Amino acid sequence: MLTTWAHTDPHRVAGTSLTAILPIALVGAAAYYFASGTPQLDLPIAASLASGSSLGAVAGALIGRKTSERTLRMLIAGLLLVVGVKELYDVAAGMPTALHGSIPANLGLGQYLLIALGGLVIGILSGLVGLGGGIFIVPLLVIAFGLSNRAAQGTSLVAILPAAAIGAVIHHANGDVQVRTAGTIAAAGVPAAVAGALLALWLPQRALLGLFGVFLLFAAVRTWPRGGATREA
C-alpha cells in the first residue's frame, strides 16, 4: 500500500512496514492461538523459522540500503507475482495439503534445520522489501512440511516477530522509518488483525486462498516500476 498508493520511497516502505507489522502480527498470532479449540500455530516451528530469519533480516536490511529504488520495486513485484500465482494454482488444483493439512508431529532435527535455513532466506527477503515474510513462510510450510494453510498462517505470525523487530531497528537507525505512519497503520491494523484471524478460522480455506492470490497479483501489477529509471540509493 505504501509503495503503490502513497508513493513512498521503497527504502522507507521497508522500515515503516516492518515497524507497523510488529503489533499487528502479535495480536493476530494471539487470535490464532486462543480463538480456536485447537491452537492454529506451532511454536517450535515458529522458533526455528525465527532463528534463521532474524539473521537474514540483518543482511536484508543492510543490502537494501545499497539497492536502487527500481530494483527494489521489481523484486517486490516479482515475489508477489510468484506467490499469487501459487495461491491461485492451489485453488484451481484443489491442493489437499494447502486445504486440509495439519500440524505435523515429531519433526526431526534435520527438518528443523531446513526450516531455519528457509527462515534465513525469508529473513533476507523481509529485510530487503519490508513484507514481513509471512507471504513466503506460508507457502514454505504448506508445500515442504505439510501444514494446513490456516496453521501456517498462525505460525508465520509468530515467526516473523524477531526478524521484523531487528529489521525495523536497523531501518530506524538509517532514518528509514516514518514513525507516525507506522503508528497509524498499526492502530488500524491491530483490530483488523483480530477480525481477519477470526474470519480465517471461519471461512473455507479455498476462498481464503483465492482472495489472497488475487490480491497479490493486483499488488504485483501496481508495484512494478513504470516510466524511466529511478534514482539510485
Protein backbone atom coordinates (compact mmCIF):
# COMPACT_ATOMS: atom_id res chain seq x y z
CA MET A 1 0.00 0.00 0.00
CA LEU A 2 2.81 2.41 0.85
CA THR A 3 4.50 1.67 -2.45
CA THR A 4 1.51 1.74 -4.78
CA TRP A 5 -0.84 4.30 -3.20
CA ALA A 6 1.30 6.59 -1.02
CA HIS A 7 4.27 6.54 -3.45
CA THR A 8 6.68 6.18 -0.54
CA ASP A 9 10.37 5.56 -1.26
CA PRO A 10 10.87 1.76 -1.20
CA HIS A 11 13.64 2.05 1.38
CA ARG A 12 11.24 3.82 3.77
CA VAL A 13 8.50 1.37 2.83
CA ALA A 14 10.63 -1.47 4.21
CA GLY A 15 11.39 0.23 7.53
CA THR A 16 7.92 1.65 8.08
CA SER A 17 6.08 -1.54 7.23
CA LEU A 18 8.32 -3.70 9.41
CA THR A 19 7.64 -1.36 12.34
CA ALA A 20 3.88 -1.44 11.78
CA ILE A 21 3.86 -5.23 11.38
CA LEU A 22 5.05 -5.90 14.94
CA PRO A 23 1.86 -5.15 16.96
CA ILE A 24 -0.35 -6.42 14.13
CA ALA A 25 1.41 -9.79 13.98
CA LEU A 26 1.48 -10.16 17.76
CA VAL A 27 -2.26 -9.62 18.13
CA GLY A 28 -3.03 -11.80 15.10
CA ALA A 29 -0.92 -14.65 16.48
CA ALA A 30 -2.78 -14.46 19.80
CA ALA A 31 -6.07 -14.78 17.95
CA TYR A 32 -4.88 -17.87 16.06
CA TYR A 33 -3.75 -19.42 19.35
CA PHE A 34 -6.73 -18.67 21.59
CA ALA A 35 -9.74 -18.27 19.27
CA SER A 36 -9.99 -21.90 18.20
CA GLY A 37 -10.45 -25.10 20.16
CA THR A 38 -7.01 -26.20 18.96
CA PRO A 39 -4.21 -23.60 18.62
CA GLN A 40 -3.66 -22.96 14.93
CA LEU A 41 0.10 -22.47 15.14
CA ASP A 42 3.21 -24.44 16.02
CA LEU A 43 5.64 -22.74 18.40
CA PRO A 44 8.72 -25.00 17.80
CA ILE A 45 8.41 -24.48 14.03
CA ALA A 46 7.99 -20.74 14.59
CA ALA A 47 11.12 -20.68 16.77
CA SER A 48 13.15 -22.48 14.09
CA LEU A 49 11.97 -20.06 11.43
CA ALA A 50 12.71 -17.09 13.67
CA SER A 51 16.26 -18.25 14.41
CA GLY A 52 17.11 -18.14 10.71
CA SER A 53 15.01 -15.17 9.71
CA SER A 54 16.49 -12.94 12.42
CA LEU A 55 19.97 -13.32 10.90
CA GLY A 56 18.57 -12.90 7.40
CA ALA A 57 16.75 -9.70 8.36
CA VAL A 58 20.04 -8.05 9.32
CA ALA A 59 21.61 -8.92 5.97
CA GLY A 60 18.49 -7.92 4.03
CA ALA A 61 18.21 -4.53 5.70
CA LEU A 62 21.87 -3.75 5.02
CA ILE A 63 21.70 -4.93 1.40
CA GLY A 64 18.56 -2.88 0.85
CA ARG A 65 20.45 0.36 1.54
CA LYS A 66 22.70 -0.33 -1.46
CA THR A 67 19.93 -1.35 -3.86
CA SER A 68 18.23 1.03 -6.30
CA GLU A 69 14.57 2.00 -5.96
CA ARG A 70 13.71 0.45 -9.32
CA THR A 71 15.38 -2.83 -8.41
CA LEU A 72 13.50 -2.99 -5.11
CA ARG A 73 10.19 -2.37 -6.89
CA MET A 74 10.93 -5.12 -9.41
CA LEU A 75 11.89 -7.52 -6.63
CA ILE A 76 8.73 -6.80 -4.66
CA ALA A 77 6.53 -7.20 -7.75
CA GLY A 78 8.23 -10.42 -8.81
CA LEU A 79 7.86 -12.02 -5.38
CA LEU A 80 4.20 -11.01 -5.14
CA LEU A 81 3.54 -12.43 -8.60
CA VAL A 82 5.13 -15.80 -7.84
CA VAL A 83 3.28 -16.28 -4.56
CA GLY A 84 -0.01 -15.03 -6.04
CA VAL A 85 0.15 -17.49 -8.94
CA LYS A 86 0.99 -20.29 -6.49
CA GLU A 87 -2.05 -19.49 -4.33
CA LEU A 88 -4.42 -19.45 -7.32
CA TYR A 89 -2.93 -22.68 -8.64
CA ASP A 90 -3.64 -24.36 -5.30
CA VAL A 91 -7.25 -23.18 -5.50
CA ALA A 92 -7.72 -24.44 -9.08
CA ALA A 93 -5.96 -27.75 -8.45
CA GLY A 94 -7.55 -28.29 -5.04
CA MET A 95 -4.19 -28.99 -3.40
CA PRO A 96 -5.07 -31.24 -0.44
CA THR A 97 -2.19 -30.10 1.79
CA ALA A 98 -2.99 -26.41 1.47
CA LEU A 99 -6.66 -27.04 2.14
CA HIS A 100 -6.69 -29.93 4.59
CA GLY A 101 -3.19 -30.36 6.06
CA SER A 102 -2.47 -30.36 9.77
CA ILE A 103 0.35 -29.54 12.17
CA PRO A 104 2.95 -32.32 11.79
CA ALA A 105 4.20 -34.14 14.86
CA ASN A 106 7.70 -35.39 15.72
CA LEU A 107 9.76 -33.45 13.20
CA GLY A 108 13.42 -34.47 13.27
CA LEU A 109 16.48 -32.29 13.86
CA GLY A 110 17.24 -32.23 10.13
CA GLN A 111 13.78 -30.90 9.32
CA TYR A 112 14.06 -28.15 11.92
CA LEU A 113 17.44 -27.17 10.44
CA LEU A 114 15.84 -26.98 6.99
CA ILE A 115 13.09 -24.79 8.43
CA ALA A 116 15.74 -22.50 9.94
CA LEU A 117 17.53 -22.32 6.57
CA GLY A 118 14.26 -21.38 4.90
CA GLY A 119 13.81 -18.74 7.59
CA LEU A 120 17.24 -17.31 6.75
CA VAL A 121 16.30 -16.81 3.11
CA ILE A 122 12.90 -15.38 4.06
CA GLY A 123 14.56 -13.04 6.56
CA ILE A 124 16.79 -11.61 3.83
CA LEU A 125 13.77 -11.01 1.61
CA SER A 126 11.86 -9.49 4.53
CA GLY A 127 14.66 -7.10 5.38
CA LEU A 128 15.00 -6.09 1.72
CA VAL A 129 11.40 -5.28 0.90
CA GLY A 130 9.65 -4.95 4.28
CA LEU A 131 6.96 -7.54 3.60
CA GLY A 132 7.31 -9.21 6.98
CA GLY A 133 7.97 -12.62 5.47
CA GLY A 134 4.51 -14.07 6.04
CA ILE A 135 3.65 -14.39 2.37
CA PHE A 136 6.78 -16.52 1.89
CA ILE A 137 6.55 -18.53 5.12
CA VAL A 138 3.04 -19.80 4.46
CA PRO A 139 3.84 -21.49 1.09
CA LEU A 140 7.07 -22.90 2.56
CA LEU A 141 5.29 -24.55 5.50
CA VAL A 142 2.41 -25.82 3.38
CA ILE A 143 4.45 -27.25 0.50
CA ALA A 144 7.55 -28.53 2.29
CA PHE A 145 6.27 -29.50 5.72
CA GLY A 146 2.59 -30.36 5.33
CA LEU A 147 0.92 -27.71 7.47
CA SER A 148 -2.58 -26.60 6.58
CA ASN A 149 -2.83 -23.08 5.20
CA ARG A 150 -4.57 -21.98 8.39
CA ALA A 151 -1.89 -23.42 10.72
CA ALA A 152 0.86 -21.98 8.50
CA GLN A 153 -0.71 -18.53 8.75
CA GLY A 154 -0.77 -18.62 12.55
CA THR A 155 2.78 -19.97 12.75
CA SER A 156 4.08 -17.31 10.36
CA LEU A 157 2.71 -14.51 12.55
CA VAL A 158 4.83 -15.73 15.47
CA ALA A 159 7.89 -16.45 13.33
CA ILE A 160 8.11 -13.00 11.76
CA LEU A 161 8.22 -11.09 15.06
CA PRO A 162 12.01 -11.29 15.77
CA ALA A 163 13.03 -10.62 12.16
CA ALA A 164 10.59 -7.71 11.85
CA ALA A 165 11.88 -6.19 15.08
CA ILE A 166 15.52 -6.47 14.00
CA GLY A 167 14.78 -5.09 10.54
CA ALA A 168 12.78 -2.20 12.00
CA VAL A 169 15.61 -1.24 14.37
CA ILE A 170 18.19 -1.24 11.57
CA HIS A 171 15.97 0.76 9.23
CA HIS A 172 15.18 3.24 12.02
CA ALA A 173 18.91 3.74 12.64
CA ASN A 174 19.25 4.55 8.92
CA GLY A 175 16.39 7.07 9.08
CA ASP A 176 14.05 4.90 7.01
CA VAL A 177 11.09 4.61 9.40
CA GLN A 178 8.15 7.03 9.25
CA VAL A 179 7.09 6.60 12.88
CA ARG A 180 3.77 8.43 12.61
CA THR A 181 2.80 6.46 9.51
CA ALA A 182 3.77 3.18 11.18
CA GLY A 183 1.70 4.09 14.24
CA THR A 184 -1.34 4.93 12.11
CA ILE A 185 -1.08 1.65 10.21
CA ALA A 186 -0.68 -0.32 13.44
CA ALA A 187 -3.64 1.40 15.09
CA ALA A 188 -5.86 0.40 12.19
CA GLY A 189 -4.22 -2.97 11.71
CA VAL A 190 -4.48 -4.36 15.24
CA PRO A 191 -8.31 -4.63 15.38
CA ALA A 192 -8.31 -5.67 11.73
CA ALA A 193 -5.84 -8.46 12.57
CA VAL A 194 -8.23 -9.87 15.16
CA ALA A 195 -11.14 -9.70 12.71
CA GLY A 196 -9.02 -11.22 9.95
CA ALA A 197 -7.83 -14.10 12.12
CA LEU A 198 -11.38 -14.89 13.23
CA LEU A 199 -12.54 -14.74 9.61
CA ALA A 200 -9.70 -17.05 8.53
CA LEU A 201 -10.73 -19.56 11.20
CA TRP A 202 -14.31 -19.50 9.91
CA LEU A 203 -14.16 -19.17 6.11
CA PRO A 204 -13.43 -22.14 3.82
CA GLN A 205 -9.72 -22.38 3.03
CA ARG A 206 -10.35 -22.39 -0.73
CA ALA A 207 -12.00 -18.98 -0.54
CA LEU A 208 -9.14 -17.57 1.55
CA LEU A 209 -6.50 -18.86 -0.86
CA GLY A 210 -8.33 -17.41 -3.84
CA LEU A 211 -8.78 -13.96 -2.31
CA PHE A 212 -5.18 -13.84 -1.16
CA GLY A 213 -3.90 -14.87 -4.59
CA VAL A 214 -5.95 -12.24 -6.42
CA PHE A 215 -4.79 -9.52 -4.03
CA LEU A 216 -1.14 -10.46 -4.52
CA LEU A 217 -1.44 -10.36 -8.31
CA PHE A 218 -3.09 -6.93 -8.13
CA ALA A 219 -0.34 -5.66 -5.83
CA ALA A 220 2.35 -7.07 -8.16
CA VAL A 221 0.94 -5.18 -11.15
CA ARG A 222 0.62 -1.95 -9.17
CA THR A 223 4.14 -2.23 -7.74
CA TRP A 224 6.03 -2.88 -11.00
CA PRO A 225 8.08 0.25 -11.87
CA ARG A 226 6.84 2.40 -14.72
CA GLY A 227 8.48 5.11 -16.80
CA GLY A 228 12.17 5.88 -16.86
CA ALA A 229 14.88 4.86 -14.50
CA THR A 230 14.52 5.90 -10.89
CA ARG A 231 17.22 7.23 -8.62
CA GLU A 232 19.91 5.03 -7.17
CA ALA A 233 20.21 4.59 -3.41
